PDB file of N, CA and C in Angstrom:
ATOM      1  N   MET A   1       0.837  -1.170   0.002  1.00  0.00           N
ATOM      2  CA  MET A   1      -0.005   0.004  -0.008  1.00  0.00           C
ATOM      3  C   MET A   1       0.885   1.228  -0.001  1.00  0.00           C
ATOM      4  N   SER A   2       0.489   2.220  -0.779  1.00  0.00           N
ATOM      5  CA  SER A   2       1.252   3.468  -0.857  1.00  0.00           C
ATOM      6  C   SER A   2       0.306   4.657  -1.005  1.00  0.00           C
ATOM      7  N   PHE A   3       0.874   5.839  -0.827  1.00  0.00           N
ATOM      8  CA  PHE A   3       0.093   7.073  -0.995  1.00  0.00           C
ATOM      9  C   PHE A   3      -0.595   7.096  -2.340  1.00  0.00           C
ATOM     10  N   GLU A   4       0.107   6.729  -3.403  1.00  0.00           N
ATOM     11  CA  GLU A   4      -0.465   6.790  -4.743  1.00  0.00           C
ATOM     12  C   GLU A   4      -1.656   5.843  -4.886  1.00  0.00           C
ATOM     13  N   ILE A   5      -1.535   4.668  -4.348  1.00  0.00           N
ATOM     14  CA  ILE A   5      -2.641   3.666  -4.427  1.00  0.00           C
ATOM     15  C   ILE A   5      -3.845   4.187  -3.624  1.00  0.00           C
ATOM     16  N   ILE A   6      -3.605   4.687  -2.411  1.00  0.00           N
ATOM     17  CA  ILE A   6      -4.694   5.175  -1.606  1.00  0.00           C
ATOM     18  C   ILE A   6      -5.390   6.345  -2.292  1.00  0.00           C
ATOM     19  N   LYS A   7      -4.615   7.262  -2.846  1.00  0.00           N
ATOM     20  CA  LYS A   7      -5.166   8.432  -3.542  1.00  0.00           C
ATOM     21  C   LYS A   7      -5.998   7.985  -4.752  1.00  0.00           C
ATOM     22  N   SER A   8      -5.488   7.064  -5.513  1.00  0.00           N
ATOM     23  CA  SER A   8      -6.202   6.545  -6.677  1.00  0.00           C
ATOM     24  C   SER A   8      -7.494   5.875  -6.273  1.00  0.00           C
ATOM     25  N   ASN A   9      -7.463   5.025  -5.247  1.00  0.00           N
ATOM     26  CA  ASN A   9      -8.642   4.331  -4.810  1.00  0.00           C
ATOM     27  C   ASN A   9      -9.696   5.309  -4.282  1.00  0.00           C
ATOM     28  N   TYR A  10      -9.265   6.344  -3.580  1.00  0.00           N
ATOM     29  CA  TYR A  10     -10.198   7.349  -3.095  1.00  0.00           C
ATOM     30  C   TYR A  10     -10.865   8.094  -4.261  1.00  0.00           C
ATOM     31  N   GLU A  11     -10.063   8.455  -5.256  1.00  0.00           N
ATOM     32  CA  GLU A  11     -10.602   9.208  -6.397  1.00  0.00           C
ATOM     33  C   GLU A  11     -11.572   8.335  -7.228  1.00  0.00           C
ATOM     34  N   LYS A  12     -11.346   7.045  -7.233  1.00  0.00           N
ATOM     35  CA  LYS A  12     -12.258   6.114  -7.970  1.00  0.00           C
ATOM     36  C   LYS A  12     -13.482   5.770  -7.159  1.00  0.00           C
ATOM     37  N   GLY A  13     -13.521   6.188  -5.890  1.00  0.00           N
ATOM     38  CA  GLY A  13     -14.690   5.928  -5.044  1.00  0.00           C
ATOM     39  C   GLY A  13     -14.600   4.553  -4.350  1.00  0.00           C
ATOM     40  N   LEU A  14     -13.412   3.934  -4.415  1.00  0.00           N
ATOM     41  CA  LEU A  14     -13.255   2.638  -3.772  1.00  0.00           C
ATOM     42  C   LEU A  14     -12.955   2.751  -2.289  1.00  0.00           C
ATOM     43  N   TRP A  15     -12.415   3.922  -1.874  1.00  0.00           N
ATOM     44  CA  TRP A  15     -12.128   4.162  -0.482  1.00  0.00           C
ATOM     45  C   TRP A  15     -12.955   5.358  -0.007  1.00  0.00           C
ATOM     46  N   THR A  16     -13.407   5.308   1.253  1.00  0.00           N
ATOM     47  CA  THR A  16     -14.094   6.436   1.866  1.00  0.00           C
ATOM     48  C   THR A  16     -13.074   7.290   2.624  1.00  0.00           C
ATOM     49  N   LYS A  17     -13.516   8.464   3.085  1.00  0.00           N
ATOM     50  CA  LYS A  17     -12.631   9.280   3.912  1.00  0.00           C
ATOM     51  C   LYS A  17     -12.229   8.537   5.180  1.00  0.00           C
ATOM     52  N   GLN A  18     -13.151   7.803   5.733  1.00  0.00           N
ATOM     53  CA  GLN A  18     -12.846   7.058   6.966  1.00  0.00           C
ATOM     54  C   GLN A  18     -11.722   6.023   6.696  1.00  0.00           C
ATOM     55  N   MET A  19     -11.769   5.368   5.557  1.00  0.00           N
ATOM     56  CA  MET A  19     -10.738   4.388   5.222  1.00  0.00           C
ATOM     57  C   MET A  19      -9.371   5.074   5.059  1.00  0.00           C
ATOM     58  N   VAL A  20      -9.381   6.266   4.419  1.00  0.00           N
ATOM     59  CA  VAL A  20      -8.130   7.021   4.242  1.00  0.00           C
ATOM     60  C   VAL A  20      -7.628   7.432   5.633  1.00  0.00           C
ATOM     61  N   LYS A  21      -8.537   7.857   6.508  1.00  0.00           N
ATOM     62  CA  LYS A  21      -8.150   8.275   7.867  1.00  0.00           C
ATOM     63  C   LYS A  21      -7.448   7.159   8.623  1.00  0.00           C
ATOM     64  N   LEU A  22      -7.903   5.934   8.424  1.00  0.00           N
ATOM     65  CA  LEU A  22      -7.268   4.784   9.092  1.00  0.00           C
ATOM     66  C   LEU A  22      -5.845   4.579   8.635  1.00  0.00           C
ATOM     67  N   ALA A  23      -5.489   5.026   7.445  1.00  0.00           N
ATOM     68  CA  ALA A  23      -4.152   4.850   6.934  1.00  0.00           C
ATOM     69  C   ALA A  23      -3.163   5.892   7.469  1.00  0.00           C
ATOM     70  N   VAL A  24      -3.686   6.991   8.058  1.00  0.00           N
ATOM     71  CA  VAL A  24      -2.830   8.031   8.583  1.00  0.00           C
ATOM     72  C   VAL A  24      -2.022   7.480   9.783  1.00  0.00           C
ATOM     73  N   GLY A  25      -0.720   7.705   9.732  1.00  0.00           N
ATOM     74  CA  GLY A  25       0.158   7.206  10.791  1.00  0.00           C
ATOM     75  C   GLY A  25       0.718   5.831  10.489  1.00  0.00           C
ATOM     76  N   ARG A  26       0.061   5.134   9.604  1.00  0.00           N
ATOM     77  CA  ARG A  26       0.535   3.808   9.192  1.00  0.00           C
ATOM     78  C   ARG A  26       1.227   3.893   7.833  1.00  0.00           C
ATOM     79  N   VAL A  27       0.543   4.478   6.873  1.00  0.00           N
ATOM     80  CA  VAL A  27       1.050   4.535   5.502  1.00  0.00           C
ATOM     81  C   VAL A  27       1.222   5.970   5.012  1.00  0.00           C
ATOM     82  N   ILE A  28       0.305   6.843   5.422  1.00  0.00           N
ATOM     83  CA  ILE A  28       0.356   8.240   4.959  1.00  0.00           C
ATOM     84  C   ILE A  28       0.410   9.177   6.156  1.00  0.00           C
ATOM     85  N   THR A  29       0.734  10.436   5.875  1.00  0.00           N
ATOM     86  CA  THR A  29       0.793  11.467   6.907  1.00  0.00           C
ATOM     87  C   THR A  29      -0.523  12.238   6.917  1.00  0.00           C
ATOM     88  N   ALA A  30      -0.729  13.051   7.948  1.00  0.00           N
ATOM     89  CA  ALA A  30      -1.920  13.906   8.026  1.00  0.00           C
ATOM     90  C   ALA A  30      -1.943  14.892   6.845  1.00  0.00           C
ATOM     91  N   GLY A  31      -0.760  15.346   6.432  1.00  0.00           N
ATOM     92  CA  GLY A  31      -0.692  16.253   5.250  1.00  0.00           C
ATOM     93  C   GLY A  31      -1.123  15.552   3.993  1.00  0.00           C
ATOM     94  N   GLN A  32      -0.781  14.290   3.863  1.00  0.00           N
ATOM     95  CA  GLN A  32      -1.192  13.513   2.686  1.00  0.00           C
ATOM     96  C   GLN A  32      -2.692  13.246   2.730  1.00  0.00           C
ATOM     97  N   TYR A  33      -3.246  13.071   3.961  1.00  0.00           N
ATOM     98  CA  TYR A  33      -4.707  12.916   4.076  1.00  0.00           C
ATOM     99  C   TYR A  33      -5.406  14.122   3.486  1.00  0.00           C
ATOM    100  N   LYS A  34      -4.894  15.340   3.841  1.00  0.00           N
ATOM    101  CA  LYS A  34      -5.513  16.553   3.311  1.00  0.00           C
ATOM    102  C   LYS A  34      -5.348  16.639   1.801  1.00  0.00           C
ATOM    103  N   GLU A  35      -4.196  16.212   1.294  1.00  0.00           N
ATOM    104  CA  GLU A  35      -3.971  16.238  -0.149  1.00  0.00           C
ATOM    105  C   GLU A  35      -4.966  15.315  -0.857  1.00  0.00           C
ATOM    106  N   ILE A  36      -5.279  14.171  -0.261  1.00  0.00           N
ATOM    107  CA  ILE A  36      -6.184  13.199  -0.884  1.00  0.00           C
ATOM    108  C   ILE A  36      -7.643  13.665  -0.785  1.00  0.00           C
ATOM    109  N   THR A  37      -8.066  14.080   0.446  1.00  0.00           N
ATOM    110  CA  THR A  37      -9.491  14.358   0.680  1.00  0.00           C
ATOM    111  C   THR A  37      -9.859  15.841   0.543  1.00  0.00           C
ATOM    112  N   GLY A  38      -8.864  16.710   0.679  1.00  0.00           N
ATOM    113  CA  GLY A  38      -9.149  18.135   0.660  1.00  0.00           C
ATOM    114  C   GLY A  38      -9.603  18.667   2.016  1.00  0.00           C
ATOM    115  N   GLU A  39      -9.590  17.812   3.048  1.00  0.00           N
ATOM    116  CA  GLU A  39      -9.998  18.210   4.382  1.00  0.00           C
ATOM    117  C   GLU A  39      -8.829  17.985   5.360  1.00  0.00           C
ATOM    118  N   ASP A  40      -8.827  18.833   6.404  1.00  0.00           N
ATOM    119  CA  ASP A  40      -7.819  18.646   7.459  1.00  0.00           C
ATOM    120  C   ASP A  40      -8.050  17.329   8.193  1.00  0.00           C
ATOM    121  N   TYR A  41      -6.951  16.716   8.614  1.00  0.00           N
ATOM    122  CA  TYR A  41      -7.046  15.477   9.402  1.00  0.00           C
ATOM    123  C   TYR A  41      -7.462  15.846  10.792  1.00  0.00           C
TER     124      TYR A  41
END
């Protein structure tokens, strides 16, 4: 799993914001969460 895969899956509607949030601290940073979702973590 990587930032690029998570971002792609979110954009395709395969991942929800909650799923992306679960990846923060494990695979992505809070800044990357904002980059993917457009919302602050």
